[in-house]
């Protein structure tokens, strides 16, 4: 069973806060099953975007509740904003969480690739 989106986001933000990092909910989506996008701000001023990994990446016995893929890596902020605007038009129930870290893999399960 997968965690509800709002529970996953709450746990992610609390973990970051507990470690002295920054996190903010930029957009609240559907509480039960909204897709979660994570906007990663890096210290050098660039951003990355972690998006839900395609279902084809999951194995039947995969223990990870939510798996992400890096859709964009270390690009200007405007590129991330553009992708998120397209995603919102496609699915208005998405979540957007902003975190500040140079190591998103410390907080998210990332698909290999």
Protein backbone atom coordinates (compact mmCIF):
# COMPACT_ATOMS: atom_id res chain seq x y z
CA UNK A 1 0.00 0.00 0.00
CA UNK A 2 1.31 3.42 -0.95
CA UNK A 3 1.27 6.39 1.41
CA UNK A 4 -1.21 9.13 0.66
CA UNK A 5 0.40 12.05 -1.13
CA UNK A 6 -0.19 14.49 1.75
CA UNK A 7 1.37 12.06 4.26
CA UNK A 8 4.43 11.55 2.05
CA UNK A 9 4.87 15.32 1.60
CA UNK A 10 4.48 15.96 5.34
CA UNK A 11 7.09 13.30 6.14
CA UNK A 12 9.50 14.67 3.52
CA UNK A 13 9.24 18.26 4.74
CA UNK A 14 9.58 17.24 8.41
CA UNK A 15 12.68 15.20 7.64
CA UNK A 16 14.29 18.14 5.87
CA UNK A 17 13.38 20.53 8.70
CA UNK A 18 14.75 18.08 11.29
CA UNK A 19 18.08 18.06 9.45
CA UNK A 20 18.20 21.85 9.25
CA UNK A 21 17.37 21.99 5.54
CA UNK A 22 14.69 24.02 3.78
CA UNK A 23 11.43 22.69 2.36
CA UNK A 24 8.22 24.35 1.24
CA UNK A 25 4.99 23.23 -0.34
CA UNK A 26 4.66 25.31 -3.48
CA UNK A 27 1.39 23.68 -4.56
CA UNK A 28 -0.98 21.36 -2.72
CA UNK A 29 -2.52 18.68 -4.86
CA UNK A 30 -4.98 15.86 -4.29
CA UNK A 31 -4.55 14.58 -0.72
CA UNK A 32 -5.03 10.93 -1.58
CA UNK A 33 -3.09 10.32 -4.76
CA UNK A 34 -1.84 13.50 -6.38
CA UNK A 35 1.41 13.17 -8.31
CA UNK A 36 4.34 14.68 -6.41
CA UNK A 37 7.00 16.78 -8.14
CA UNK A 38 10.02 17.92 -6.17
CA UNK A 39 11.75 21.13 -7.19
CA UNK A 40 15.34 20.99 -5.97
CA UNK A 41 17.18 24.28 -5.49
CA UNK A 42 20.96 24.04 -5.52
CA UNK A 43 23.39 26.46 -3.89
CA UNK A 44 24.81 27.47 -7.27
CA UNK A 45 21.43 28.94 -8.31
CA UNK A 46 20.41 26.08 -10.60
CA UNK A 47 17.45 23.78 -10.08
CA UNK A 48 16.59 20.14 -10.70
CA UNK A 49 13.21 18.47 -10.97
CA UNK A 50 12.30 15.07 -9.55
CA UNK A 51 9.11 13.66 -11.04
CA UNK A 52 7.19 10.45 -10.39
CA UNK A 53 8.96 7.54 -12.09
CA UNK A 54 6.94 5.68 -14.74
CA UNK A 55 5.12 2.59 -13.48
CA UNK A 56 7.24 0.47 -15.83
CA UNK A 57 10.24 1.15 -13.56
CA UNK A 58 8.59 -0.56 -10.58
CA UNK A 59 9.08 -4.24 -9.91
CA UNK A 60 6.23 -6.25 -8.38
CA UNK A 61 8.15 -6.78 -5.16
CA UNK A 62 9.69 -3.29 -5.08
CA UNK A 63 9.75 -2.06 -1.46
CA UNK A 64 9.81 1.67 -2.31
CA UNK A 65 6.51 3.48 -1.79
CA UNK A 66 7.27 6.36 -4.17
CA UNK A 67 9.98 6.30 -6.79
CA UNK A 68 11.19 9.43 -8.57
CA UNK A 69 13.21 10.15 -11.68
CA UNK A 70 15.29 13.25 -12.31
CA UNK A 71 13.48 14.92 -15.20
CA UNK A 72 15.79 17.97 -15.30
CA UNK A 73 19.17 18.40 -13.62
CA UNK A 74 20.88 21.67 -12.73
CA UNK A 75 19.09 23.93 -15.18
CA UNK A 76 17.88 27.55 -14.90
CA UNK A 77 14.79 28.13 -12.74
CA UNK A 78 12.71 29.12 -15.78
CA UNK A 79 13.05 25.63 -17.29
CA UNK A 80 11.66 24.00 -14.16
CA UNK A 81 8.82 26.54 -13.98
CA UNK A 82 7.91 25.80 -17.60
CA UNK A 83 7.80 22.03 -17.04
CA UNK A 84 5.68 22.43 -13.91
CA UNK A 85 3.25 24.76 -15.71
CA UNK A 86 2.76 22.09 -18.41
CA UNK A 87 2.24 19.42 -15.77
CA UNK A 88 -0.38 21.55 -13.97
CA UNK A 89 -2.29 22.03 -17.22
CA UNK A 90 -2.25 18.27 -17.78
CA UNK A 91 -3.11 17.37 -14.16
CA UNK A 92 -4.34 20.13 -11.82
CA UNK A 93 -4.05 17.77 -8.80
CA UNK A 94 -0.24 17.67 -8.69
CA UNK A 95 1.85 18.52 -5.65
CA UNK A 96 4.98 20.66 -5.97
CA UNK A 97 7.43 20.52 -3.10
CA UNK A 98 10.50 22.73 -3.09
CA UNK A 99 13.61 21.59 -1.26
CA UNK A 100 17.07 23.07 -0.97
CA UNK A 101 19.84 20.48 -1.18
CA UNK A 102 22.66 19.41 -3.43
CA UNK A 103 21.87 15.74 -2.65
CA UNK A 104 18.19 15.02 -3.40
CA UNK A 105 19.00 11.30 -3.37
CA UNK A 106 19.38 11.61 0.41
CA UNK A 107 15.65 12.36 0.65
CA UNK A 108 14.07 10.70 -2.39
CA UNK A 109 14.21 7.19 -3.82
CA UNK A 110 15.48 7.75 -7.36
CA UNK A 111 15.11 5.33 -10.26
CA UNK A 112 18.33 4.07 -11.78
CA UNK A 113 19.09 5.44 -15.15
